[in-house]
Amino acid sequence: MCNKDIREYANKRNVRLWQIAIELGINDGNFSRKLRVELSEEKKAEIRAIIDRLATE
């Protein structure tokens, strides 16, 4: 599975993928499709930052 690290990180922090999609300004279905292909490390870092921010709210 591609981007398993992102999926697990979000799950551990109790952040849903649809919440990340909203922060990225895209539809949750589009975000799920993006996760089918391995993301760049830069994009993963951006998503981890979003997860961290959402987890502390």
N, C-alpha and C. Protein backbone atom coordinates (compact mmCIF):
# COMPACT_ATOMS: atom_id res chain seq x y z
N MET A 1 0.85 -1.18 0.00
CA MET A 1 0.00 0.00 0.00
C MET A 1 0.89 1.24 0.00
N CYS A 2 0.57 2.16 -0.89
CA CYS A 2 1.33 3.41 -0.97
C CYS A 2 0.96 4.34 0.17
N ASN A 3 1.91 5.12 0.60
CA ASN A 3 1.72 6.13 1.63
C ASN A 3 1.18 5.56 2.94
N LYS A 4 1.56 4.33 3.23
CA LYS A 4 1.11 3.68 4.46
C LYS A 4 1.55 4.47 5.69
N ASP A 5 2.73 5.08 5.61
CA ASP A 5 3.23 5.87 6.74
C ASP A 5 2.32 7.06 7.05
N ILE A 6 1.81 7.71 6.02
CA ILE A 6 0.91 8.85 6.22
C ILE A 6 -0.42 8.37 6.81
N ARG A 7 -0.94 7.29 6.27
CA ARG A 7 -2.21 6.76 6.76
C ARG A 7 -2.11 6.36 8.24
N GLU A 8 -1.01 5.67 8.58
CA GLU A 8 -0.82 5.24 9.97
C GLU A 8 -0.61 6.43 10.90
N TYR A 9 0.15 7.43 10.45
CA TYR A 9 0.40 8.61 11.26
C TYR A 9 -0.90 9.34 11.56
N ALA A 10 -1.74 9.50 10.54
CA ALA A 10 -3.03 10.15 10.74
C ALA A 10 -3.91 9.34 11.71
N ASN A 11 -3.89 8.04 11.54
CA ASN A 11 -4.71 7.18 12.40
C ASN A 11 -4.25 7.26 13.86
N LYS A 12 -2.95 7.25 14.09
CA LYS A 12 -2.42 7.33 15.45
C LYS A 12 -2.76 8.66 16.11
N ARG A 13 -2.85 9.71 15.30
CA ARG A 13 -3.15 11.04 15.83
C ARG A 13 -4.65 11.34 15.83
N ASN A 14 -5.46 10.33 15.47
CA ASN A 14 -6.93 10.46 15.41
C ASN A 14 -7.38 11.57 14.47
N VAL A 15 -6.72 11.66 13.33
CA VAL A 15 -7.09 12.62 12.29
C VAL A 15 -7.59 11.83 11.10
N ARG A 16 -8.74 12.21 10.58
CA ARG A 16 -9.34 11.52 9.44
C ARG A 16 -8.82 12.10 8.12
N LEU A 17 -8.79 11.26 7.10
CA LEU A 17 -8.29 11.69 5.81
C LEU A 17 -9.12 12.84 5.23
N TRP A 18 -10.42 12.85 5.50
CA TRP A 18 -11.25 13.94 4.98
C TRP A 18 -10.87 15.27 5.61
N GLN A 19 -10.40 15.24 6.86
CA GLN A 19 -9.98 16.48 7.51
C GLN A 19 -8.72 17.03 6.84
N ILE A 20 -7.81 16.14 6.48
CA ILE A 20 -6.59 16.55 5.78
C ILE A 20 -6.96 17.14 4.42
N ALA A 21 -7.89 16.49 3.72
CA ALA A 21 -8.32 16.97 2.40
C ALA A 21 -8.87 18.39 2.49
N ILE A 22 -9.67 18.67 3.51
CA ILE A 22 -10.22 20.01 3.68
C ILE A 22 -9.10 21.03 3.84
N GLU A 23 -8.11 20.69 4.64
CA GLU A 23 -6.98 21.60 4.86
C GLU A 23 -6.17 21.82 3.58
N LEU A 24 -6.12 20.80 2.72
CA LEU A 24 -5.41 20.93 1.45
C LEU A 24 -6.26 21.63 0.39
N GLY A 25 -7.54 21.80 0.70
CA GLY A 25 -8.44 22.48 -0.24
C GLY A 25 -8.90 21.60 -1.38
N ILE A 26 -8.96 20.28 -1.13
CA ILE A 26 -9.41 19.36 -2.17
C ILE A 26 -10.51 18.45 -1.62
N ASN A 27 -11.22 17.81 -2.52
CA ASN A 27 -12.26 16.86 -2.17
C ASN A 27 -11.63 15.62 -1.53
N ASP A 28 -12.31 15.02 -0.55
CA ASP A 28 -11.75 13.86 0.13
C ASP A 28 -11.53 12.69 -0.81
N GLY A 29 -12.37 12.54 -1.82
CA GLY A 29 -12.17 11.48 -2.80
C GLY A 29 -10.90 11.69 -3.61
N ASN A 30 -10.64 12.94 -3.96
CA ASN A 30 -9.42 13.26 -4.70
C ASN A 30 -8.18 13.00 -3.85
N PHE A 31 -8.28 13.30 -2.56
CA PHE A 31 -7.14 13.05 -1.67
C PHE A 31 -6.87 11.55 -1.56
N SER A 32 -7.92 10.77 -1.44
CA SER A 32 -7.75 9.31 -1.37
C SER A 32 -7.09 8.78 -2.64
N ARG A 33 -7.47 9.33 -3.79
CA ARG A 33 -6.84 8.91 -5.04
C ARG A 33 -5.37 9.32 -5.09
N LYS A 34 -5.05 10.51 -4.56
CA LYS A 34 -3.65 10.94 -4.53
C LYS A 34 -2.79 9.97 -3.72
N LEU A 35 -3.38 9.40 -2.67
CA LEU A 35 -2.62 8.49 -1.81
C LEU A 35 -2.35 7.14 -2.47
N ARG A 36 -2.94 6.88 -3.61
CA ARG A 36 -2.70 5.62 -4.31
C ARG A 36 -1.31 5.55 -4.92
N VAL A 37 -0.71 6.73 -5.15
CA VAL A 37 0.64 6.82 -5.71
C VAL A 37 1.54 7.44 -4.64
N GLU A 38 2.72 6.88 -4.47
CA GLU A 38 3.63 7.35 -3.43
C GLU A 38 3.92 8.84 -3.60
N LEU A 39 3.72 9.61 -2.53
CA LEU A 39 3.95 11.05 -2.54
C LEU A 39 5.43 11.37 -2.34
N SER A 40 5.82 12.57 -2.74
CA SER A 40 7.19 13.03 -2.51
C SER A 40 7.37 13.29 -1.02
N GLU A 41 8.61 13.31 -0.59
CA GLU A 41 8.90 13.58 0.82
C GLU A 41 8.46 14.98 1.22
N GLU A 42 8.54 15.93 0.29
CA GLU A 42 8.10 17.30 0.58
C GLU A 42 6.60 17.34 0.84
N LYS A 43 5.82 16.64 0.01
CA LYS A 43 4.37 16.62 0.19
C LYS A 43 4.00 15.88 1.48
N LYS A 44 4.73 14.80 1.78
CA LYS A 44 4.48 14.07 3.02
C LYS A 44 4.75 14.95 4.24
N ALA A 45 5.80 15.76 4.17
CA ALA A 45 6.12 16.67 5.27
C ALA A 45 4.99 17.69 5.46
N GLU A 46 4.45 18.19 4.36
CA GLU A 46 3.33 19.14 4.43
C GLU A 46 2.11 18.48 5.08
N ILE A 47 1.83 17.25 4.70
CA ILE A 47 0.67 16.53 5.24
C ILE A 47 0.89 16.21 6.72
N ARG A 48 2.10 15.82 7.10
CA ARG A 48 2.39 15.56 8.52
C ARG A 48 2.18 16.81 9.35
N ALA A 49 2.57 17.97 8.83
CA ALA A 49 2.37 19.23 9.55
C ALA A 49 0.88 19.51 9.73
N ILE A 50 0.09 19.22 8.71
CA ILE A 50 -1.37 19.40 8.81
C ILE A 50 -1.93 18.45 9.86
N ILE A 51 -1.47 17.21 9.86
CA ILE A 51 -1.94 16.22 10.84
C ILE A 51 -1.60 16.69 12.25
N ASP A 52 -0.38 17.16 12.44
CA ASP A 52 0.03 17.64 13.78
C ASP A 52 -0.85 18.80 14.24
N ARG A 53 -1.14 19.72 13.32
CA ARG A 53 -1.97 20.88 13.67
C ARG A 53 -3.39 20.44 14.02
N LEU A 54 -3.95 19.55 13.22
CA LEU A 54 -5.32 19.08 13.47
C LEU A 54 -5.40 18.27 14.77
N ALA A 55 -4.36 17.55 15.09
CA ALA A 55 -4.36 16.72 16.29
C ALA A 55 -4.35 17.54 17.56
N THR A 56 -3.83 18.77 17.48
CA THR A 56 -3.75 19.61 18.67
C THR A 56 -4.96 20.53 18.82
N GLU A 57 -5.84 20.54 17.84
CA GLU A 57 -7.04 21.40 17.93
C GLU A 57 -8.09 20.79 18.80
